[in-house]
Protein backbone atom coordinates (compact mmCIF):
# COMPACT_ATOMS: atom_id res chain seq x y z
CA MET A 1 7.97 -20.64 -5.89
CA SER A 2 5.17 -18.33 -5.01
CA ILE A 3 5.05 -14.80 -3.62
CA SER A 4 3.18 -14.38 -0.38
CA ALA A 5 4.55 -11.38 1.41
CA ARG A 6 3.75 -8.43 -0.80
CA PRO A 7 0.36 -6.97 0.26
CA ALA A 8 -1.28 -5.99 -2.98
CA ALA A 9 -3.00 -2.65 -2.14
CA SER A 10 -0.40 -0.85 0.04
CA ASP A 11 2.60 -1.84 -2.06
CA LEU A 12 0.88 -0.84 -5.30
CA ALA A 13 -0.09 2.61 -3.99
CA ARG A 14 3.49 3.20 -2.88
CA ARG A 15 4.86 2.07 -6.23
CA LEU A 16 2.54 4.20 -8.35
CA GLY A 17 3.47 7.38 -6.50
CA LEU A 18 7.11 7.35 -7.59
CA GLY A 19 8.93 8.17 -10.76
CA LEU A 20 11.31 6.07 -12.84
CA GLY A 21 15.01 6.35 -12.23
CA ALA A 22 17.93 6.79 -14.51
CA VAL A 23 19.61 3.99 -16.39
CA ALA A 24 22.57 2.63 -14.39
CA GLY A 25 25.06 -0.20 -14.57
CA VAL A 26 27.75 -1.59 -12.35
CA THR A 27 31.34 -0.68 -11.57
CA ARG A 28 33.98 -3.34 -10.92
CA ARG A 29 37.21 -2.56 -9.08
CA PRO A 30 40.32 -4.63 -8.33
CA SER A 31 39.74 -6.80 -5.27
CA ARG A 32 41.12 -6.08 -1.83
CA PRO A 33 40.45 -7.77 1.52
CA THR A 34 37.30 -6.56 3.32
CA PRO A 35 35.54 -8.16 6.28
CA PRO A 36 32.49 -10.00 4.79
CA SER A 37 29.94 -8.68 7.25
CA VAL A 38 30.90 -4.97 7.07
CA LEU A 39 28.48 -2.84 5.09
CA ALA A 40 30.04 0.07 3.26
CA ALA A 41 28.23 3.41 3.53
CA PRO A 42 25.92 4.02 0.56
CA LEU A 43 27.26 6.39 -2.11
CA PRO A 44 25.17 9.01 -3.95
CA ASN A 45 23.26 7.71 -6.98
CA ARG A 46 25.11 8.21 -10.23
CA ALA A 47 25.60 6.48 -13.57
CA PHE A 48 28.07 3.61 -13.54
CA VAL A 49 30.10 2.07 -16.38
CA THR A 50 31.77 -1.25 -16.53
CA SER A 51 35.47 -1.23 -15.86
CA PRO A 52 37.60 -2.87 -18.61
CA ARG A 53 39.34 -4.95 -15.94
CA ARG A 54 37.83 -8.43 -15.66
CA ALA A 55 37.58 -10.09 -12.26
CA THR A 56 38.75 -13.34 -13.82
CA LYS A 57 42.18 -11.89 -14.38
CA THR A 58 42.80 -11.29 -10.71
CA ALA A 59 44.74 -13.78 -8.64
CA THR A 60 42.11 -13.95 -5.92
CA THR A 61 38.68 -15.44 -5.45
CA THR A 62 37.03 -12.10 -4.70
CA THR A 63 36.41 -8.82 -6.51
CA GLU A 64 35.04 -5.39 -5.45
CA LEU A 65 31.68 -4.40 -6.94
CA THR A 66 29.61 -1.24 -6.76
CA ALA A 67 25.94 -1.27 -7.72
CA PRO A 68 23.73 1.49 -9.16
CA ASN A 69 22.28 2.24 -5.68
CA GLY A 70 25.79 3.06 -4.44
CA ARG A 71 26.37 -0.08 -2.38
CA THR A 72 29.90 -1.48 -2.48
CA TRP A 73 30.94 -4.94 -1.33
CA THR A 74 33.55 -7.63 -1.64
CA GLN A 75 32.07 -10.33 -3.90
CA PRO A 76 33.31 -13.98 -3.55
CA LEU A 77 33.91 -15.66 -6.86
CA GLY A 78 35.14 -19.12 -5.90
CA LEU A 79 33.66 -22.49 -5.04
CA PHE A 80 32.88 -22.63 -1.30
CA ILE A 81 34.33 -25.96 -0.09
CA ASN A 82 35.30 -26.73 3.51
CA ASN A 83 34.61 -23.08 4.52
CA HIS A 84 37.08 -21.74 1.97
CA PHE A 85 36.65 -20.12 -1.45
CA VAL A 86 38.72 -21.96 -4.03
CA LYS A 87 39.24 -21.80 -7.75
CA SER A 88 37.86 -24.55 -9.93
CA SER A 89 40.42 -27.28 -10.65
CA ASN A 90 40.85 -26.21 -14.26
CA ALA A 91 40.33 -22.47 -13.53
CA GLN A 92 37.30 -22.34 -15.79
CA THR A 93 34.85 -19.55 -15.18
CA LEU A 94 31.40 -18.39 -16.25
CA ALA A 95 30.18 -14.83 -16.53
CA THR A 96 27.07 -13.56 -14.78
CA THR A 97 25.16 -10.84 -16.59
CA ASN A 98 23.12 -7.89 -15.39
CA PRO A 99 19.77 -8.37 -17.26
CA PHE A 100 19.03 -4.66 -16.95
CA ASN A 101 21.95 -3.49 -19.15
CA GLU A 102 23.19 -6.76 -20.64
CA GLU A 103 26.67 -6.16 -19.23
CA ASP A 104 28.76 -8.78 -17.45
CA ILE A 105 28.94 -8.13 -13.73
CA CYS A 106 31.88 -10.43 -13.08
CA SER A 107 32.91 -14.05 -13.65
CA VAL A 108 32.79 -16.80 -11.06
CA TYR A 109 34.68 -20.12 -10.95
CA ALA A 110 32.66 -22.98 -12.49
CA ALA A 111 32.91 -26.40 -10.92
CA THR A 112 34.08 -29.47 -12.83
CA PRO A 113 32.88 -33.00 -11.94
CA GLY A 114 36.17 -33.28 -10.03
CA ASP A 115 35.33 -30.20 -8.02
CA VAL A 116 31.93 -31.70 -7.21
CA ASP A 117 33.82 -34.76 -5.98
CA SER A 118 35.82 -32.52 -3.62
CA ALA A 119 32.69 -30.82 -2.33
CA VAL A 120 30.94 -34.17 -1.74
CA ALA A 121 34.00 -35.51 0.02
CA ALA A 122 34.04 -32.41 2.27
CA ALA A 123 30.39 -32.92 3.07
CA ARG A 124 30.87 -36.56 3.87
CA ALA A 125 33.77 -35.88 6.20
CA ALA A 126 31.78 -33.19 7.98
CA PHE A 127 28.76 -35.48 8.33
CA THR A 128 30.77 -38.03 10.31
CA HIS A 129 32.93 -35.51 12.22
CA PRO A 130 32.06 -35.00 15.91
CA SER A 131 31.95 -31.25 15.48
CA TRP A 132 28.70 -31.70 13.55
CA ARG A 133 27.59 -35.26 14.11
CA ARG A 134 27.61 -35.00 17.86
CA LEU A 135 26.32 -31.43 17.99
CA SER A 136 22.97 -31.23 19.83
CA GLY A 137 19.85 -30.16 17.98
CA THR A 138 19.66 -27.18 20.30
CA ASP A 139 23.17 -26.07 19.27
CA ARG A 140 22.40 -26.61 15.58
CA GLY A 141 19.36 -24.40 16.04
CA HIS A 142 21.46 -21.68 17.69
CA MET A 143 23.91 -21.79 14.74
CA MET A 144 21.03 -21.43 12.29
CA MET A 145 19.58 -18.54 14.27
CA LYS A 146 22.92 -16.77 14.12
CA LEU A 147 23.01 -17.21 10.35
CA ALA A 148 19.57 -15.67 10.12
CA ASP A 149 20.72 -12.73 12.24
CA LEU A 150 23.73 -12.19 9.97
CA VAL A 151 21.54 -12.27 6.90
CA ASP A 152 19.31 -9.64 8.47
CA ALA A 153 22.31 -7.47 9.29
CA ASN A 154 23.44 -7.72 5.60
CA ARG A 155 19.95 -7.18 4.22
CA GLU A 156 20.63 -4.20 1.96
CA ILE A 157 23.84 -5.65 0.49
CA LEU A 158 22.13 -8.98 -0.19
CA ALA A 159 19.12 -7.28 -1.72
CA THR A 160 21.43 -5.19 -3.89
CA ILE A 161 23.28 -8.31 -5.07
CA GLU A 162 20.03 -10.20 -5.76
CA THR A 163 18.63 -7.35 -7.87
CA LEU A 164 21.88 -6.74 -9.76
CA ASP A 165 22.28 -10.40 -10.67
CA ASN A 166 18.59 -11.33 -11.20
CA GLY A 167 16.85 -8.15 -12.37
CA LYS A 168 13.97 -8.30 -9.94
CA PRO A 169 12.89 -5.00 -8.28
CA TYR A 170 15.14 -3.96 -5.45
CA SER A 171 12.04 -3.32 -3.31
CA VAL A 172 11.13 -7.01 -3.69
CA SER A 173 14.63 -8.27 -2.90
CA ARG A 174 14.86 -6.02 0.14
CA ASP A 175 11.29 -6.42 1.49
CA TYR A 176 10.53 -10.04 0.58
CA ASP A 177 13.47 -12.19 -0.57
CA VAL A 178 16.06 -11.44 2.09
CA PRO A 179 13.59 -11.44 5.04
CA HIS A 180 12.05 -14.69 3.67
CA PHE A 181 15.50 -16.31 3.78
CA SER A 182 15.86 -15.40 7.45
CA ASP A 183 12.31 -16.42 8.28
CA VAL A 184 12.74 -19.87 6.82
CA ILE A 185 16.08 -20.52 8.47
CA ARG A 186 14.62 -19.43 11.80
CA TYR A 187 11.57 -21.57 11.36
CA TYR A 188 13.67 -24.70 10.82
CA ALA A 189 16.14 -23.70 13.56
CA GLY A 190 13.20 -24.02 15.92
CA TYR A 191 12.67 -27.61 14.82
CA ALA A 192 16.28 -28.70 15.28
CA ASP A 193 15.80 -29.99 18.81
CA LYS A 194 12.28 -31.34 18.23
CA ILE A 195 13.07 -34.03 15.70
CA HIS A 196 12.49 -37.36 17.47
CA GLY A 197 11.15 -40.84 17.05
CA GLN A 198 8.44 -42.59 19.01
CA THR A 199 7.90 -45.63 21.18
CA ILE A 200 5.40 -48.19 19.91
CA ASP A 201 3.48 -50.50 22.22
CA VAL A 202 3.82 -54.04 20.86
CA GLY A 203 3.29 -55.98 24.11
CA PRO A 204 4.98 -56.60 27.46
CA ASP A 205 7.84 -58.70 26.11
CA LYS A 206 9.25 -56.22 23.68
CA LEU A 207 10.28 -52.57 23.53
CA ALA A 208 9.97 -51.05 20.09
CA TYR A 209 10.99 -47.52 19.22
CA THR A 210 12.07 -45.42 16.29
CA ILE A 211 14.98 -43.00 15.81
CA LYS A 212 14.99 -40.22 13.28
CA GLU A 213 18.40 -39.82 11.74
CA PRO A 214 19.77 -37.50 9.12
CA VAL A 215 19.85 -38.81 5.57
CA GLY A 216 23.51 -37.86 5.06
CA VAL A 217 24.99 -35.80 2.24
CA CYS A 218 22.35 -33.81 0.38
CA GLY A 219 22.84 -32.49 -3.13
CA GLN A 220 20.63 -29.48 -3.59
CA ILE A 221 20.08 -27.69 -6.93
CA ILE A 222 18.33 -24.34 -7.09
CA PRO A 223 16.88 -22.20 -9.87
CA TRP A 224 17.61 -18.61 -10.84
CA ASN A 225 14.24 -16.94 -10.14
CA TYR A 226 14.57 -16.87 -6.36
CA PRO A 227 18.23 -17.63 -5.47
CA LEU A 228 18.00 -16.63 -1.78
CA CYS A 229 14.54 -18.02 -1.09
CA MET A 230 15.12 -21.32 -2.77
CA SER A 231 18.44 -21.80 -0.96
CA ALA A 232 16.64 -21.26 2.35
CA TRP A 233 13.99 -23.81 1.40
CA LYS A 234 16.72 -26.35 0.79
CA LEU A 235 19.21 -25.52 3.56
CA GLY A 236 16.68 -25.01 6.36
CA PRO A 237 15.21 -28.53 6.73
CA ALA A 238 18.49 -30.25 5.72
CA LEU A 239 20.56 -28.51 8.43
CA SER A 240 17.80 -28.75 11.03
CA CYS A 241 17.85 -32.52 10.68
CA GLY A 242 21.66 -32.67 10.89
CA ASN A 243 22.58 -33.33 7.26
CA THR A 244 25.42 -31.82 5.29
CA VAL A 245 24.97 -30.09 1.98
CA VAL A 246 26.42 -29.46 -1.44
CA LEU A 247 24.34 -26.64 -2.87
CA LYS A 248 24.63 -26.10 -6.63
CA LEU A 249 23.68 -22.53 -7.70
CA ALA A 250 22.05 -21.57 -10.93
CA GLU A 251 24.71 -20.42 -13.35
CA GLN A 252 22.67 -17.29 -14.15
CA THR A 253 22.51 -16.05 -10.57
CA PRO A 254 25.37 -17.19 -8.34
CA LEU A 255 26.32 -14.02 -6.53
CA SER A 256 23.91 -13.64 -3.59
CA MET A 257 24.44 -17.13 -2.20
CA LEU A 258 28.22 -16.85 -2.56
CA TYR A 259 27.96 -13.82 -0.29
CA VAL A 260 25.79 -15.82 2.13
CA ALA A 261 28.55 -18.44 2.15
CA ARG A 262 30.76 -15.98 4.04
CA LEU A 263 27.98 -15.56 6.59
CA ILE A 264 27.61 -19.30 6.94
CA ARG A 265 31.25 -19.47 7.94
CA GLU A 266 30.91 -16.48 10.25
CA ALA A 267 27.90 -18.16 11.94
CA GLY A 268 30.18 -20.95 13.08
CA PHE A 269 29.18 -23.85 10.90
CA PRO A 270 31.99 -26.41 10.83
CA PRO A 271 33.98 -26.87 7.61
CA GLY A 272 32.19 -29.04 5.03
CA VAL A 273 28.69 -28.74 6.53
CA VAL A 274 27.58 -26.38 3.76
CA ASN A 275 29.45 -26.40 0.44
CA ILE A 276 28.38 -24.18 -2.43
CA VAL A 277 29.39 -24.68 -6.03
CA ASN A 278 28.79 -22.62 -9.18
CA GLY A 279 28.69 -24.22 -12.57
CA HIS A 280 26.65 -25.35 -15.60
CA GLY A 281 23.94 -27.84 -15.03
CA ARG A 282 25.36 -30.23 -17.60
CA ASP A 283 28.60 -30.43 -15.68
CA ALA A 284 28.17 -29.62 -11.96
CA GLY A 285 24.48 -30.35 -11.69
CA ALA A 286 24.66 -33.70 -13.43
CA ALA A 287 27.75 -34.74 -11.49
CA LEU A 288 25.99 -33.94 -8.18
CA ALA A 289 22.79 -35.79 -9.12
CA ARG A 290 24.57 -38.96 -10.13
CA HIS A 291 27.27 -38.85 -7.44
CA PRO A 292 27.51 -42.13 -5.44
CA GLY A 293 28.50 -40.17 -2.35
CA VAL A 294 25.28 -38.17 -2.30
CA ASP A 295 22.39 -39.65 -0.33
CA LYS A 296 19.58 -37.30 -1.36
CA VAL A 297 18.91 -34.87 -4.20
CA ALA A 298 16.54 -31.86 -3.95
CA PHE A 299 15.84 -29.97 -7.13
CA THR A 300 13.77 -26.95 -8.08
CA GLY A 301 13.51 -26.11 -11.80
CA SER A 302 11.91 -27.15 -15.04
CA THR A 303 9.98 -30.39 -15.48
CA THR A 304 12.34 -31.39 -18.30
CA THR A 305 15.42 -31.04 -16.17
CA GLY A 306 13.61 -32.67 -13.24
CA ARG A 307 13.09 -35.78 -15.27
CA GLU A 308 16.83 -35.93 -16.03
CA ILE A 309 17.69 -35.39 -12.35
CA MET A 310 15.40 -38.30 -11.41
CA LYS A 311 17.12 -40.55 -13.99
CA LEU A 312 20.56 -39.66 -12.74
CA ALA A 313 19.55 -40.12 -9.08
CA ALA A 314 18.05 -43.51 -9.88
CA GLY A 315 21.51 -44.93 -10.50
CA THR A 316 22.10 -45.19 -6.80
CA LEU A 317 18.41 -45.12 -5.67
CA LYS A 318 18.82 -41.75 -4.08
CA SER A 319 15.89 -40.11 -2.28
CA VAL A 320 14.63 -37.22 -4.39
CA THR A 321 12.52 -34.15 -3.80
CA LEU A 322 11.52 -32.35 -7.06
CA GLU A 323 9.65 -29.11 -7.39
CA THR A 324 9.18 -28.56 -11.17
CA GLY A 325 6.98 -26.73 -13.61
CA GLY A 326 3.44 -25.48 -13.47
CA LYS A 327 0.59 -23.99 -15.47
CA SER A 328 -1.70 -23.03 -12.68
CA PRO A 329 -5.32 -22.15 -13.29
CA LEU A 330 -7.17 -19.24 -11.71
CA ILE A 331 -10.98 -19.63 -11.77
CA VAL A 332 -13.29 -16.66 -11.44
CA PHE A 333 -16.90 -17.63 -10.80
CA ASP A 334 -19.87 -15.39 -11.50
CA ASP A 335 -20.32 -14.49 -7.80
CA ALA A 336 -16.71 -13.44 -7.24
CA ASP A 337 -15.64 -10.04 -5.97
CA LEU A 338 -14.29 -8.87 -9.34
CA ASP A 339 -12.08 -6.12 -7.93
CA GLN A 340 -10.42 -8.67 -5.66
CA ALA A 341 -10.18 -11.24 -8.45
CA ALA A 342 -8.61 -8.72 -10.83
CA ARG A 343 -5.95 -7.57 -8.31
CA TRP A 344 -4.95 -11.13 -7.42
CA SER A 345 -5.04 -12.25 -11.06
CA HIS A 346 -2.54 -9.52 -11.80
CA GLU A 347 -0.28 -10.45 -8.83
CA GLY A 348 -0.59 -14.13 -9.63
CA ILE A 349 0.94 -13.85 -13.11
CA MET A 350 2.87 -10.57 -13.23
CA SER A 351 4.89 -10.67 -10.02
CA ASN A 352 8.61 -11.48 -10.37
CA GLN A 353 8.36 -10.80 -14.17
CA GLY A 354 6.11 -13.89 -14.43
CA GLN A 355 9.10 -16.01 -13.53
CA VAL A 356 7.28 -18.04 -10.86
CA CYS A 357 6.55 -21.79 -11.09
CA THR A 358 3.16 -21.39 -9.45
CA ALA A 359 2.10 -18.39 -11.58
CA THR A 360 -1.62 -18.54 -12.31
CA SER A 361 -1.09 -18.05 -16.03
CA ARG A 362 -4.42 -19.66 -17.11
CA ILE A 363 -7.28 -17.40 -16.11
CA LEU A 364 -10.76 -19.08 -16.44
CA VAL A 365 -13.64 -16.62 -16.17
CA HIS A 366 -17.37 -17.38 -16.05
CA GLU A 367 -18.99 -16.05 -19.21
CA ALA A 368 -21.47 -13.90 -17.23
CA VAL A 369 -18.69 -11.78 -15.74
CA TYR A 370 -16.06 -12.08 -18.49
CA GLU A 371 -16.38 -8.54 -19.84
CA PRO A 372 -16.42 -6.63 -16.48
CA PHE A 373 -13.59 -8.82 -15.16
CA MET A 374 -11.48 -8.20 -18.28
CA ALA A 375 -11.95 -4.48 -17.90
CA LYS A 376 -10.72 -4.52 -14.30
CA PHE A 377 -7.88 -7.00 -15.02
CA ALA A 378 -6.62 -4.94 -17.98
CA ALA A 379 -6.72 -1.78 -15.82
CA ALA A 380 -4.70 -3.51 -13.12
CA VAL A 381 -2.06 -4.61 -15.64
CA ARG A 382 -1.81 -1.14 -17.14
CA ASP A 383 -1.76 0.69 -13.80
CA ILE A 384 0.31 -1.56 -11.66
CA SER A 385 2.92 -3.21 -13.91
CA VAL A 386 5.37 -0.37 -14.11
CA VAL A 387 8.27 -1.72 -16.17
CA GLY A 388 11.71 -0.20 -15.66
CA ASP A 389 14.95 0.06 -13.72
CA PRO A 390 14.85 -2.56 -10.96
CA PHE A 391 16.64 -0.18 -8.61
CA ASP A 392 13.83 2.39 -8.89
CA GLU A 393 11.22 2.13 -6.10
CA ALA A 394 8.41 2.67 -8.59
CA THR A 395 9.30 -0.36 -10.69
CA TYR A 396 6.95 -3.36 -10.45
CA GLN A 397 8.47 -5.41 -13.33
CA GLY A 398 12.19 -5.67 -14.13
CA PRO A 399 13.80 -7.55 -17.02
CA GLN A 400 13.59 -11.20 -17.83
CA ILE A 401 16.57 -13.11 -16.57
CA THR A 402 18.52 -13.72 -19.79
CA ARG A 403 18.38 -13.13 -23.55
CA ALA A 404 17.29 -16.73 -23.95
CA GLN A 405 14.35 -16.27 -21.62
CA TYR A 406 13.44 -12.97 -23.28
CA ASP A 407 13.46 -14.71 -26.71
CA ARG A 408 11.40 -17.61 -25.31
CA VAL A 409 8.67 -15.30 -24.00
CA LEU A 410 8.45 -13.36 -27.26
CA GLY A 411 8.40 -16.71 -29.12
CA PHE A 412 5.28 -17.68 -27.23
CA VAL A 413 3.66 -14.32 -28.15
CA GLN A 414 4.27 -15.02 -31.83
CA SER A 415 2.98 -18.58 -31.38
CA ALA A 416 -0.28 -17.19 -29.85
CA ARG A 417 -0.73 -14.85 -32.84
CA ASP A 418 0.02 -17.72 -35.30
CA GLU A 419 -2.59 -19.93 -33.62
CA GLY A 420 -5.29 -17.28 -33.72
CA ALA A 421 -5.22 -15.76 -30.26
CA THR A 422 -5.69 -12.04 -29.67
CA VAL A 423 -3.01 -10.04 -27.96
CA ALA A 424 -5.20 -7.81 -25.87
CA LEU A 425 -2.33 -6.12 -24.00
CA GLY A 426 1.41 -5.97 -24.51
CA GLY A 427 2.99 -8.60 -26.70
CA ALA A 428 6.22 -6.80 -27.52
CA PRO A 429 9.58 -5.81 -26.07
CA ALA A 430 9.34 -3.09 -23.44
CA SER A 431 11.81 -0.44 -24.62
CA GLN A 432 14.03 1.45 -22.25
CA ALA A 433 15.86 4.72 -22.79
CA SER A 434 19.16 2.90 -22.99
CA GLY A 435 17.93 0.44 -25.63
CA LYS A 436 19.30 -2.32 -23.41
CA GLY A 437 17.81 -4.96 -21.17
CA PHE A 438 15.68 -8.04 -21.47
CA PHE A 439 12.34 -6.28 -21.00
CA VAL A 440 8.98 -7.65 -22.13
CA GLN A 441 5.64 -5.86 -21.89
CA PRO A 442 3.10 -7.48 -19.55
CA THR A 443 0.90 -9.44 -21.95
CA VAL A 444 -2.66 -10.69 -21.95
CA PHE A 445 -4.05 -13.14 -24.49
CA THR A 446 -7.78 -13.48 -25.26
CA ASP A 447 -9.66 -15.62 -27.77
CA VAL A 448 -7.54 -18.47 -26.53
CA THR A 449 -8.42 -22.15 -27.08
CA THR A 450 -7.36 -24.96 -24.73
CA SER A 451 -5.15 -26.50 -27.49
CA MET A 452 -2.91 -23.42 -27.91
CA ARG A 453 0.65 -23.47 -26.61
CA VAL A 454 0.09 -20.38 -24.47
CA TYR A 455 -2.64 -22.25 -22.66
CA ARG A 456 -0.84 -25.57 -22.25
CA ASP A 457 2.93 -24.79 -21.90
CA GLU A 458 4.78 -23.05 -19.09
CA ILE A 459 6.04 -19.73 -20.47
CA PHE A 460 7.79 -18.40 -17.35
CA GLY A 461 7.08 -14.82 -18.26
CA PRO A 462 4.50 -12.04 -17.76
CA CYS A 463 1.89 -13.60 -19.99
CA ALA A 464 -1.72 -14.54 -19.06
CA ALA A 465 -4.12 -16.57 -21.20
CA VAL A 466 -7.78 -15.76 -20.49
CA VAL A 467 -10.63 -18.19 -21.45
CA ARG A 468 -14.36 -18.40 -20.71
CA PHE A 469 -16.37 -21.18 -19.07
CA ARG A 470 -20.09 -21.78 -18.45
CA THR A 471 -20.41 -24.28 -15.59
CA GLU A 472 -18.43 -25.45 -12.57
CA GLU A 473 -17.93 -28.85 -14.12
CA GLU A 474 -16.56 -27.30 -17.31
CA ALA A 475 -14.24 -25.04 -15.28
CA LEU A 476 -12.83 -28.04 -13.34
CA GLY A 477 -12.36 -30.00 -16.49
CA MET A 478 -10.44 -27.14 -18.10
CA ALA A 479 -8.39 -26.53 -14.98
CA ASN A 480 -7.39 -30.24 -14.77
CA ASP A 481 -6.61 -30.54 -18.46
CA SER A 482 -2.87 -30.19 -17.94
CA VAL A 483 0.21 -32.34 -17.30
CA TYR A 484 0.95 -30.01 -14.41
CA GLY A 485 -0.62 -29.83 -10.96
CA LEU A 486 1.23 -27.29 -8.88
CA GLY A 487 -1.22 -24.64 -7.77
CA ALA A 488 -4.74 -23.37 -8.47
CA ALA A 489 -6.81 -20.38 -7.41
CA VAL A 490 -10.56 -20.06 -6.94
CA PHE A 491 -12.59 -16.87 -6.64
CA THR A 492 -16.14 -17.17 -5.26
CA LYS A 493 -18.26 -15.97 -2.37
CA ASP A 494 -19.85 -19.39 -2.09
CA LEU A 495 -17.74 -21.29 0.53
CA ALA A 496 -19.39 -24.58 -0.29
CA ARG A 497 -18.31 -24.18 -3.91
CA ALA A 498 -14.87 -23.04 -2.83
CA HIS A 499 -14.30 -26.23 -0.81
CA ARG A 500 -15.83 -28.37 -3.51
CA VAL A 501 -13.54 -26.96 -6.24
CA ALA A 502 -10.52 -27.11 -3.90
CA ARG A 503 -11.22 -30.87 -3.55
CA GLY A 504 -11.83 -31.38 -7.26
CA VAL A 505 -8.86 -29.49 -8.73
CA GLU A 506 -5.73 -31.50 -9.38
CA ALA A 507 -3.11 -29.42 -7.61
CA GLY A 508 -0.78 -29.59 -4.64
CA MET A 509 -1.92 -26.14 -3.42
CA VAL A 510 -5.17 -24.20 -3.73
CA TRP A 511 -5.75 -20.56 -2.91
CA VAL A 512 -9.30 -19.37 -2.26
CA ASN A 513 -9.89 -15.73 -3.08
CA SER A 514 -6.12 -15.11 -3.52
CA SER A 515 -3.24 -16.33 -5.71
CA ASN A 516 0.23 -17.45 -4.90
CA ASP A 517 -0.50 -16.63 -1.28
CA SER A 518 1.71 -19.32 0.19
CA ASP A 519 3.53 -19.44 3.56
CA PHE A 520 6.73 -21.07 4.69
CA ARG A 521 4.94 -22.82 7.54
CA VAL A 522 2.64 -24.68 5.12
CA PRO A 523 3.73 -27.53 2.81
CA PHE A 524 4.59 -26.58 -0.81
CA GLY A 525 4.58 -28.90 -3.74
CA GLY A 526 2.61 -30.33 -6.63
CA VAL A 527 1.09 -33.43 -8.20
CA LYS A 528 1.33 -34.89 -11.71
CA GLN A 529 4.41 -33.54 -13.50
CA SER A 530 4.87 -30.69 -11.09
CA GLY A 531 7.07 -32.61 -8.74
CA VAL A 532 7.71 -35.24 -6.08
CA GLY A 533 7.58 -34.63 -2.34
CA ARG A 534 7.00 -31.46 -0.33
CA GLU A 535 9.04 -28.47 0.74
CA LEU A 536 8.35 -26.03 3.54
CA GLY A 537 6.36 -26.61 6.71
CA GLU A 538 6.89 -29.59 8.95
CA ALA A 539 6.32 -31.84 5.91
CA ALA A 540 9.73 -30.90 4.47
CA LEU A 541 11.55 -32.49 7.41
CA SER A 542 10.46 -36.00 6.47
CA GLY A 543 12.48 -35.71 3.28
CA TYR A 544 15.71 -35.15 5.24
CA CYS A 545 15.34 -37.93 7.84
CA ASN A 546 15.61 -41.68 7.81
CA VAL A 547 13.47 -43.56 10.35
CA LYS A 548 15.31 -46.40 12.08
CA ALA A 549 13.26 -49.03 13.94
CA VAL A 550 14.82 -50.60 17.09
CA HIS A 551 13.34 -53.85 18.55
CA VAL A 552 14.46 -54.79 22.09
CA ASN A 553 13.67 -58.29 23.43
CA LEU A 554 12.79 -57.89 27.12
CA THR A 555 12.59 -61.58 27.87
CA SER A 556 15.23 -64.30 28.43
CA ARG A 557 14.15 -66.14 25.34
């Protein structure tokens, strides 16, 4: 997933003018009934400690949480099936952890394969029920619009949950992620009554036409880096086309979409149209991908897991959409605006803690401008990438998502050193006053060769590998020397060259004089081992429709 809605200059100026905030945690209180759409008044900022009482010991499927910014809400913990939150069949749970202070926020119920069966059965029943099956596209669109309005009304609570659970800056959750969810849902709501077939002229004796019909029950599996955004990418086209859904959340970040589940119910979606399950990939994810009652699987995540999803789906020849890994190149030619290139190079790899599948983590710079570019790029990294408390408005970079991801990023740093690269910036944990949190310094590698792991493998962290090139042909060869083909960026003032390189680079998306500057109205996806099919834009709808051909004999023969 790429960031497109954070204007570089104005945002950065705002961020740099503010100081860092105090270390804070989360308070958990015993649950009590609270209307899901009611926002509690914000409380004054203060330090929070974790209550010894665990949410898993309550008899309900909700708990009360208070975040460091003073927001308080009722957090669902259950599996959302048939418009109800329920416990898992064996009452198993999984804890979700705040990556800022390494403390458990709460525990949610984790689906078993049997629970996935129940969710799929609910989705199948809803798909054939008149309350959904016979609903007009216009009415589906109205329902989706209402959901978008409810998400907007709960913007600050949802942004709080996203930041608490994921670690990304609150300013990003509030100003990008939550509005993006609403934008995508509204975009596809507008398509709901415009999905139609066509008539085909085959001669006077026959009428031939096509009907576009929903695929059926869609199993959708999302990653942890953009829980709200990725859910919208999946739900939007599926619901617009009239499908029903079982959405499997990432076990690391289940909380924001469980809150949205209440808004889905409030928006008036019939029971079973949207079902949301928590759980480990090896249990719930695998059960969903192989389930014979699922007609389509859509997955966003690593290439390794994507291969396994494809194998599981192949058992029943399911339709699949996969958006997987990337190692996107960013090419800076000798005629580029170096200030512009440096700003976008920073944004392209350092945003969202580097946890972006389209991150332009390979920076290829023409040898004639290598030194001045590096000076500007290093200055951008030092000046813009303020690492700290994600609830502080000055923070640009929060913690990595988990201890495992933190260790993975630092493992790549050590690998680069072992293979002879120079760590020009960063390359170590980013210490906080509390001594807690999965923080990594924004890191830049130089003296990199194309055989090194940091050049070839997806790190999914704030790490850029910078290499030199001499000619356009060499740059294209280096850019295409990858198993991945998700995105690519080109910086040049020569428009002929820009279009030529855009044609020649092996990628599903190309940005000219920007990076990760995508838009929900434009198709998103990759080539090679970066995925199958397209999300976003009108193109996504084709993955959620079957085309039926009808032949009518108009003669007496």
